[in-house]
């Protein structure tokens, strides 16, 4: 996931490619980019409008001019924020650093460091596998936050009281002491001027980017670091399930993981219609599958589930609203919503989830989609307290077996 760095003439923060309990409310201002002068600016605008046209609506010419100007600027911003094809459909740029196990000599000869951002679903999947495998000590992590200029920045949040020692919070750069992620990328041998995305796996000894493709990283965490893992016996991609995992990935990645972005970043009605229909037809398919299976591939949690979870966790609070994935809320899918609660309650997973940071990262950063920067109240289905309710997913397979036995 990249935080897009806008050119100076535009200067808007946005990103393209990833807990406290609370009742429905507005999100924390921790990562807010709103200026303290906003109330003063509002009063100036209010006085000016009263002087120009009193209590009436603005003149038609002004409205049409403003509409044309905003549409033009929006299209320019979206062109840089979310590259699209000729139909207006979002086209995700490919990752520049892929992990080739044959070229990666040895984890023992490296000092691995993971860079993530909490709003990013792609980075989130790496944090989950890191936690489940027990790699917190073997792979240190730095957590970047969206900056006002659109880049991933490092900030010190050590003053925030944390009850869970494994809770992931925004931090300074622990490996390179850089101010932002772009500086880290540029510090590699040979430099770098491309997209500075998270997640990114870094070799602190060699000062080199190992990988910035999320799926490569979670595969590596699952099987490539067992000698350092506290849970080496856990296999999220067992040989007997690899074909099923790959089949689900071929469905979930384009139509759900990337599908929500294709919906939110669509630049034509046709592109939006296609994306939103694919999202919900796929969710219908997954809902049906989960009626007789605890997880996507059966009774075992796999990498396919991890990849789906990070999108589902953001679905009702973010994608349903901001990205216009509005046909249904996730809570309207009984099996999917129970499945979300099931995975959230696995030890280690909740500590990687920070809904206030996610809300701020989307609503206060994606200016072209939410120019006001105002975050919505979180529905009861989206807050993290609701995810602690009993899920009963452990009974699904047993119920199906009983039905067949009868």
Protein backbone atom coordinates (compact mmCIF):
# COMPACT_ATOMS: atom_id res chain seq x y z
CA UNK A 1 0.00 0.00 0.00
CA UNK A 2 1.44 3.33 -0.99
CA UNK A 3 0.86 6.73 0.46
CA UNK A 4 0.76 8.80 -2.69
CA UNK A 5 3.03 11.86 -2.63
CA UNK A 6 1.33 14.61 -4.57
CA UNK A 7 3.33 17.12 -6.61
CA UNK A 8 3.83 20.55 -5.01
CA UNK A 9 1.14 22.26 -7.04
CA UNK A 10 -1.52 19.86 -5.73
CA UNK A 11 -0.21 18.94 -2.25
CA UNK A 12 -2.97 16.65 -1.02
CA UNK A 13 -2.43 13.59 1.17
CA UNK A 14 -3.66 10.24 -0.11
CA UNK A 15 -2.77 6.60 -0.28
CA UNK A 16 -3.46 3.88 -2.76
CA UNK A 17 -2.46 0.39 -1.69
CA UNK A 18 -3.86 -2.00 5.07
CA UNK A 19 -7.64 -1.15 20.28
CA UNK A 20 -9.75 0.73 22.30
CA UNK A 21 -13.39 -0.20 22.79
CA UNK A 22 -16.04 2.38 22.09
CA UNK A 23 -19.66 2.89 21.14
CA UNK A 24 -20.57 4.58 17.82
CA UNK A 25 -18.63 7.81 17.73
CA UNK A 26 -16.32 9.93 15.67
CA UNK A 27 -12.74 8.77 15.41
CA UNK A 28 -9.76 9.94 17.41
CA UNK A 29 -7.94 13.05 16.18
CA UNK A 30 -4.52 11.41 16.72
CA UNK A 31 -3.72 11.40 13.01
CA UNK A 32 -5.95 14.30 11.98
CA UNK A 33 -4.68 16.63 9.29
CA UNK A 34 -7.21 19.39 9.95
CA UNK A 35 -5.83 22.80 10.75
CA UNK A 36 -6.60 24.54 14.07
CA UNK A 37 -7.42 27.61 12.00
CA UNK A 38 -10.41 25.87 10.38
CA UNK A 39 -13.01 27.59 12.58
CA UNK A 40 -11.52 31.01 11.76
CA UNK A 41 -11.54 30.20 8.04
CA UNK A 42 -15.17 29.06 8.28
CA UNK A 43 -16.27 32.33 9.90
CA UNK A 44 -14.49 34.33 7.18
CA UNK A 45 -16.23 32.34 4.44
CA UNK A 46 -19.59 32.71 6.19
CA UNK A 47 -19.18 36.50 6.43
CA UNK A 48 -18.13 36.74 2.79
CA UNK A 49 -21.11 34.74 1.51
CA UNK A 50 -23.57 36.82 3.54
CA UNK A 51 -22.04 39.98 2.12
CA UNK A 52 -22.15 38.73 -1.49
CA UNK A 53 -25.58 37.14 -1.75
CA UNK A 54 -27.23 37.24 1.67
CA UNK A 55 -29.37 34.25 2.68
CA UNK A 56 -29.91 33.12 -0.95
CA UNK A 57 -28.08 30.29 -2.67
CA UNK A 58 -24.94 31.22 -4.68
CA UNK A 59 -25.64 32.38 -8.25
CA UNK A 60 -26.04 29.67 -10.88
CA UNK A 61 -22.95 30.80 -12.78
CA UNK A 62 -20.81 30.44 -9.66
CA UNK A 63 -22.21 26.97 -8.99
CA UNK A 64 -21.57 25.74 -12.54
CA UNK A 65 -18.07 27.27 -12.54
CA UNK A 66 -17.24 25.67 -9.21
CA UNK A 67 -18.60 22.31 -10.39
CA UNK A 68 -16.49 22.41 -13.55
CA UNK A 69 -13.38 23.48 -11.65
CA UNK A 70 -13.80 20.83 -8.94
CA UNK A 71 -14.49 18.08 -11.49
CA UNK A 72 -11.35 19.00 -13.41
CA UNK A 73 -9.20 19.07 -10.27
CA UNK A 74 -10.76 15.80 -9.04
CA UNK A 75 -9.94 14.06 -12.31
CA UNK A 76 -6.36 15.33 -12.15
CA UNK A 77 -5.99 14.17 -8.54
CA UNK A 78 -7.50 10.75 -9.25
CA UNK A 79 -5.25 10.26 -12.26
CA UNK A 80 -2.25 10.50 -9.93
CA UNK A 81 -3.83 8.83 -6.90
CA UNK A 82 -5.35 5.86 -8.73
CA UNK A 83 -4.06 5.03 -12.23
CA UNK A 84 -6.85 3.76 -14.46
CA UNK A 85 -7.29 2.12 -17.84
CA UNK A 86 -9.27 3.53 -20.77
CA UNK A 87 -12.56 2.41 -19.19
CA UNK A 88 -11.90 4.31 -15.96
CA UNK A 89 -11.17 1.14 -14.00
CA UNK A 90 -8.46 1.35 -11.32
CA UNK A 91 -5.23 -0.45 -12.25
CA UNK A 92 -3.00 -1.27 -9.29
CA UNK A 93 0.74 -0.73 -9.93
CA UNK A 94 2.89 -3.83 -9.46
CA UNK A 95 5.31 -4.23 -6.55
CA UNK A 96 8.90 -3.41 -7.48
CA UNK A 97 10.70 -5.66 -4.98
CA UNK A 98 9.70 -9.33 -5.04
CA UNK A 99 11.07 -11.97 -2.69
CA UNK A 100 12.90 -14.75 -4.50
CA UNK A 101 13.75 -17.49 -1.96
CA UNK A 102 16.54 -18.79 -4.22
CA UNK A 103 18.25 -15.39 -4.13
CA UNK A 104 17.69 -14.77 -0.44
CA UNK A 105 20.74 -16.41 1.11
CA UNK A 106 19.82 -16.89 4.76
CA UNK A 107 17.64 -15.29 7.40
CA UNK A 108 20.43 -15.98 9.88
CA UNK A 109 22.78 -13.70 7.93
CA UNK A 110 20.22 -10.90 7.84
CA UNK A 111 18.65 -8.56 10.37
CA UNK A 112 15.02 -8.40 9.30
CA UNK A 113 12.88 -5.33 9.90
CA UNK A 114 9.29 -4.82 8.79
CA UNK A 115 7.82 -1.45 7.80
CA UNK A 116 4.03 -1.14 7.95
CA UNK A 117 1.22 1.41 8.16
CA UNK A 118 -1.85 0.60 10.27
CA UNK A 119 -4.51 1.82 7.80
CA UNK A 120 -3.14 -0.45 5.04
CA UNK A 121 -4.86 -3.85 4.58
CA UNK A 122 -1.84 -5.22 2.68
CA UNK A 123 0.51 -4.36 5.54
CA UNK A 124 -2.02 -5.67 8.05
CA UNK A 125 -1.77 -9.20 6.67
CA UNK A 126 1.99 -9.25 7.37
CA UNK A 127 1.43 -8.15 10.97
CA UNK A 128 -1.10 -10.94 11.49
CA UNK A 129 1.15 -13.72 10.17
CA UNK A 130 4.07 -12.28 12.15
CA UNK A 131 1.94 -12.46 15.30
CA UNK A 132 0.48 -15.92 14.66
CA UNK A 133 3.87 -17.46 13.91
CA UNK A 134 5.44 -15.83 16.96
CA UNK A 135 7.97 -13.75 15.03
CA UNK A 136 7.67 -10.57 17.08
CA UNK A 137 11.17 -11.00 18.49
CA UNK A 138 12.74 -12.22 15.23
CA UNK A 139 11.31 -9.46 13.01
CA UNK A 140 11.22 -5.99 14.52
CA UNK A 141 8.70 -3.49 13.17
CA UNK A 142 8.39 0.25 12.54
CA UNK A 143 4.90 1.67 12.07
CA UNK A 144 4.53 4.68 9.78
CA UNK A 145 1.57 7.07 9.72
CA UNK A 146 0.06 9.04 6.81
CA UNK A 147 1.65 12.50 6.73
CA UNK A 148 0.05 15.77 5.69
CA UNK A 149 2.03 15.84 2.44
CA UNK A 150 0.87 12.36 1.51
CA UNK A 151 3.99 10.39 2.49
CA UNK A 152 4.37 7.73 5.15
CA UNK A 153 5.98 9.43 8.17
CA UNK A 154 7.40 8.18 11.46
CA UNK A 155 6.05 9.70 14.66
CA UNK A 156 6.64 9.02 18.33
CA UNK A 157 3.54 7.76 20.11
CA UNK A 158 5.31 6.32 23.15
CA UNK A 159 3.25 8.61 25.40
CA UNK A 160 0.10 6.59 24.58
CA UNK A 161 -0.62 4.11 27.42
CA UNK A 162 -0.65 0.57 26.04
CA UNK A 163 -2.07 -2.31 28.09
CA UNK A 164 -1.15 -5.04 25.58
CA UNK A 165 2.63 -5.26 25.11
CA UNK A 166 2.10 -6.77 21.65
CA UNK A 167 -0.21 -3.95 20.55
CA UNK A 168 1.12 -2.33 17.36
CA UNK A 169 1.13 1.49 17.41
CA UNK A 170 2.70 4.22 15.23
CA UNK A 171 6.38 4.69 16.00
CA UNK A 172 9.67 6.24 15.01
CA UNK A 173 11.88 4.46 12.48
CA UNK A 174 13.61 1.90 14.67
CA UNK A 175 15.96 0.57 11.99
CA UNK A 176 17.25 3.64 10.13
CA UNK A 177 16.04 6.64 12.16
CA UNK A 178 14.61 8.20 9.00
CA UNK A 179 11.87 10.81 9.06
CA UNK A 180 9.73 9.09 6.45
CA UNK A 181 9.55 5.90 4.39
CA UNK A 182 10.83 7.58 1.25
CA UNK A 183 14.14 8.25 3.01
CA UNK A 184 14.39 4.56 3.91
CA UNK A 185 13.85 3.45 0.30
CA UNK A 186 16.35 6.01 -0.96
CA UNK A 187 18.97 4.79 1.54
CA UNK A 188 19.23 1.37 -0.14
CA UNK A 189 22.29 0.65 -2.27
CA UNK A 190 21.73 2.37 -5.59
CA UNK A 191 18.97 4.58 -4.22
CA UNK A 192 15.32 4.49 -5.30
CA UNK A 193 12.87 6.99 -6.78
CA UNK A 194 9.77 4.83 -7.26
CA UNK A 195 6.61 4.29 -5.21
CA UNK A 196 7.38 3.98 -1.49
CA UNK A 197 4.84 1.42 -0.30
CA UNK A 198 4.07 -0.63 2.77
CA UNK A 199 4.52 -3.36 3.76
CA UNK A 200 8.26 -3.44 3.15
CA UNK A 201 10.71 -6.00 4.50
CA UNK A 202 14.17 -4.53 5.09
CA UNK A 203 17.58 -6.08 5.71
CA UNK A 204 19.22 -3.83 8.32
CA UNK A 205 22.66 -5.39 7.90
CA UNK A 206 22.82 -5.05 4.13
CA UNK A 207 20.77 -1.81 4.03
CA UNK A 208 18.58 -3.28 1.33
CA UNK A 209 14.90 -3.71 0.50
CA UNK A 210 14.15 -7.43 0.55
CA UNK A 211 10.52 -7.25 -0.56
CA UNK A 212 7.51 -4.92 -0.75
CA UNK A 213 4.94 -7.45 -2.02
CA UNK A 214 2.64 -8.41 0.85
CA UNK A 215 1.85 -11.96 -0.27
CA UNK A 216 5.54 -12.81 -0.76
CA UNK A 217 6.20 -11.58 2.78
CA UNK A 218 3.45 -13.64 4.45
CA UNK A 219 4.52 -16.78 2.59
CA UNK A 220 8.07 -16.15 3.80
CA UNK A 221 6.92 -15.51 7.38
CA UNK A 222 4.87 -18.70 7.32
CA UNK A 223 7.58 -21.11 6.21
CA UNK A 224 10.92 -19.32 5.89
CA UNK A 225 11.60 -18.34 9.49
CA UNK A 226 10.54 -21.41 11.48
CA UNK A 227 13.96 -21.63 13.16
CA UNK A 228 13.21 -18.26 14.82
CA UNK A 229 9.44 -18.64 15.33
CA UNK A 230 7.76 -19.31 18.67
CA UNK A 231 5.05 -21.25 16.81
CA UNK A 232 7.00 -23.15 14.12
CA UNK A 233 4.43 -25.97 14.08
CA UNK A 234 1.73 -23.63 12.76
CA UNK A 235 1.47 -23.95 8.97
CA UNK A 236 -0.91 -21.52 7.28
CA UNK A 237 -0.22 -23.08 3.89
CA UNK A 238 -0.07 -26.87 4.37
CA UNK A 239 0.74 -28.90 1.21
CA UNK A 240 -2.67 -30.59 1.13
CA UNK A 241 -4.46 -27.21 1.02
CA UNK A 242 -2.19 -25.24 -1.32
CA UNK A 243 -4.38 -25.79 -4.37
CA UNK A 244 -7.48 -24.61 -2.47
CA UNK A 245 -5.59 -21.60 -1.12
CA UNK A 246 -4.44 -20.62 -4.61
CA UNK A 247 -7.97 -21.04 -5.98
CA UNK A 248 -9.43 -18.75 -3.31
CA UNK A 249 -6.66 -16.21 -3.83
CA UNK A 250 -7.50 -16.06 -7.54
CA UNK A 251 -11.08 -15.20 -6.58
CA UNK A 252 -10.62 -13.00 -3.50
CA UNK A 253 -7.70 -10.82 -4.61
CA UNK A 254 -9.17 -9.27 -7.80
CA UNK A 255 -12.81 -9.19 -6.72
CA UNK A 256 -12.64 -8.38 -2.99
CA UNK A 257 -9.16 -7.28 -1.80
CA UNK A 258 -8.52 -5.15 -4.86
CA UNK A 259 -12.22 -5.04 -5.75
CA UNK A 260 -13.04 -2.52 -3.02
CA UNK A 261 -10.32 -0.22 -4.41
CA UNK A 262 -11.61 -0.69 -7.96
CA UNK A 263 -14.98 0.39 -6.60
CA UNK A 264 -13.74 3.37 -4.59
CA UNK A 265 -11.24 4.57 -7.20
CA UNK A 266 -13.47 4.05 -10.25
CA UNK A 267 -13.39 7.01 -12.62
CA UNK A 268 -16.44 6.07 -14.66
CA UNK A 269 -19.92 4.76 -13.83
CA UNK A 270 -19.29 1.65 -15.90
CA UNK A 271 -16.09 0.84 -14.00
CA UNK A 272 -17.86 1.31 -10.66
CA UNK A 273 -20.85 -0.83 -11.66
CA UNK A 274 -18.63 -3.70 -12.74
CA UNK A 275 -16.51 -3.56 -9.59
CA UNK A 276 -19.39 -3.31 -7.12
CA UNK A 277 -21.27 -6.17 -8.77
CA UNK A 278 -18.18 -8.40 -8.65
CA UNK A 279 -17.59 -7.59 -4.98
CA UNK A 280 -21.04 -8.64 -3.85
CA UNK A 281 -21.42 -11.66 -6.11
CA UNK A 282 -18.12 -12.89 -4.64
CA UNK A 283 -19.22 -12.16 -1.06
CA UNK A 284 -22.41 -14.14 -1.80
CA UNK A 285 -20.24 -17.04 -2.98
CA UNK A 286 -18.04 -16.89 0.13
CA UNK A 287 -21.10 -16.66 2.39
CA UNK A 288 -22.42 -19.87 0.86
CA UNK A 289 -19.07 -21.63 1.26
CA UNK A 290 -18.84 -20.60 4.92
CA UNK A 291 -22.24 -22.13 5.66
CA UNK A 292 -20.56 -25.54 5.71
CA UNK A 293 -16.93 -24.70 6.39
CA UNK A 294 -15.38 -22.86 9.32
CA UNK A 295 -12.70 -21.27 7.12
CA UNK A 296 -12.28 -20.85 3.37
CA UNK A 297 -10.39 -24.10 2.88
CA UNK A 298 -11.99 -26.21 5.59
CA UNK A 299 -11.39 -26.43 9.33
CA UNK A 300 -7.87 -24.91 9.27
CA UNK A 301 -6.99 -21.23 9.14
CA UNK A 302 -4.83 -20.49 6.08
CA UNK A 303 -3.13 -17.57 4.34
CA UNK A 304 -6.27 -17.20 2.22
CA UNK A 305 -8.25 -16.39 5.38
CA UNK A 306 -5.67 -13.86 6.54
CA UNK A 307 -5.89 -12.05 3.18
CA UNK A 308 -9.68 -11.93 3.27
CA UNK A 309 -9.85 -10.89 6.94
CA UNK A 310 -7.99 -7.58 6.53
CA UNK A 311 -10.52 -6.44 3.90
CA UNK A 312 -13.52 -7.63 5.90
CA UNK A 313 -12.29 -5.84 9.03
CA UNK A 314 -12.41 -2.53 7.12
CA UNK A 315 -15.58 -3.26 5.18
CA UNK A 316 -18.43 -1.74 7.20
CA UNK A 317 -16.52 1.25 8.69
CA UNK A 318 -14.65 2.23 5.49
CA UNK A 319 -15.40 0.47 2.22
CA UNK A 320 -19.18 0.40 2.60
CA UNK A 321 -19.21 4.18 3.11
CA UNK A 322 -16.15 5.83 1.58
CA UNK A 323 -15.69 3.41 -1.35
CA UNK A 324 -19.45 3.11 -2.06
CA UNK A 325 -19.58 -0.67 -1.54
CA UNK A 326 -23.17 -0.14 -0.52
CA UNK A 327 -25.26 -3.09 -1.70
CA UNK A 328 -24.96 -4.70 1.73
CA UNK A 329 -23.12 -4.30 5.00
CA UNK A 330 -20.98 -7.20 6.14
CA UNK A 331 -23.24 -7.61 9.18
CA UNK A 332 -25.99 -8.65 6.73
CA UNK A 333 -23.98 -11.78 5.91
CA UNK A 334 -24.38 -14.03 9.00
CA UNK A 335 -21.61 -16.46 8.08
CA UNK A 336 -19.11 -13.82 6.95
CA UNK A 337 -19.72 -11.67 10.01
CA UNK A 338 -19.29 -14.66 12.31
CA UNK A 339 -16.15 -15.63 10.38
CA UNK A 340 -14.77 -12.10 10.90
CA UNK A 341 -15.39 -12.39 14.66
CA UNK A 342 -13.84 -15.86 14.74
CA UNK A 343 -10.53 -14.72 13.24
CA UNK A 344 -10.47 -11.48 15.25
CA UNK A 345 -10.66 -13.51 18.46
CA UNK A 346 -7.65 -15.71 17.61
CA UNK A 347 -4.91 -14.77 20.12
CA UNK A 348 -2.60 -12.15 18.65
CA UNK A 349 -4.90 -10.88 15.89
CA UNK A 350 -6.73 -8.12 17.79
CA UNK A 351 -3.41 -6.52 18.78
CA UNK A 352 -2.75 -5.85 15.07
CA UNK A 353 -6.11 -4.10 14.57
CA UNK A 354 -6.45 -0.36 15.18
CA UNK A 355 -9.78 0.94 13.92
CA UNK A 356 -9.26 4.62 14.87
CA UNK A 357 -5.96 4.67 12.94
CA UNK A 358 -7.67 2.99 9.99
CA UNK A 359 -10.53 5.50 10.01
CA UNK A 360 -8.14 8.45 10.16
CA UNK A 361 -5.93 6.91 7.47
CA UNK A 362 -8.79 6.71 4.99
CA UNK A 363 -11.17 9.56 5.83
CA UNK A 364 -8.55 12.19 6.62
CA UNK A 365 -6.05 11.16 3.94
CA UNK A 366 -8.00 10.35 0.78
CA UNK A 367 -8.84 13.98 0.04
CA UNK A 368 -10.36 13.38 -3.45
CA UNK A 369 -12.89 10.97 -1.90
CA UNK A 370 -13.60 12.94 1.28
CA UNK A 371 -12.62 16.59 0.85
CA UNK A 372 -14.04 17.67 4.22
CA UNK A 373 -11.90 15.20 6.16
CA UNK A 374 -14.91 14.47 8.37
CA UNK A 375 -15.03 10.89 9.63
CA UNK A 376 -18.40 9.17 10.07
CA UNK A 377 -19.68 7.64 13.30
CA UNK A 378 -18.85 3.94 13.48
CA UNK A 379 -21.86 1.63 13.42
CA UNK A 380 -22.29 -1.00 16.12
CA UNK A 381 -21.40 -3.71 13.60
CA UNK A 382 -18.07 -2.04 12.84
CA UNK A 383 -16.68 -1.29 16.28
CA UNK A 384 -14.22 -3.66 17.86
CA UNK A 385 -16.41 -4.45 20.89
CA UNK A 386 -18.94 -6.13 18.60
CA UNK A 387 -16.22 -8.45 17.27
CA UNK A 388 -15.81 -9.97 20.74
CA UNK A 389 -19.31 -11.44 20.74
CA UNK A 390 -19.58 -15.26 20.46
CA UNK A 391 -19.19 -16.48 16.89
CA UNK A 392 -19.98 -20.22 17.22
CA UNK A 393 -17.98 -20.89 14.05
CA UNK A 394 -16.36 -23.91 15.72
CA UNK A 395 -19.74 -25.66 15.49
CA UNK A 396 -20.22 -25.20 11.74
CA UNK A 397 -18.45 -28.34 10.55
CA UNK A 398 -20.02 -30.45 13.30
CA UNK A 399 -23.54 -29.29 12.38
CA UNK A 400 -22.99 -30.19 8.72
CA UNK A 401 -21.60 -33.61 9.67
CA UNK A 402 -24.63 -34.24 11.88
CA UNK A 403 -27.01 -33.30 9.07
CA UNK A 404 -25.34 -35.77 6.69
CA UNK A 405 -25.36 -38.46 9.38
CA UNK A 406 -29.13 -38.09 9.76
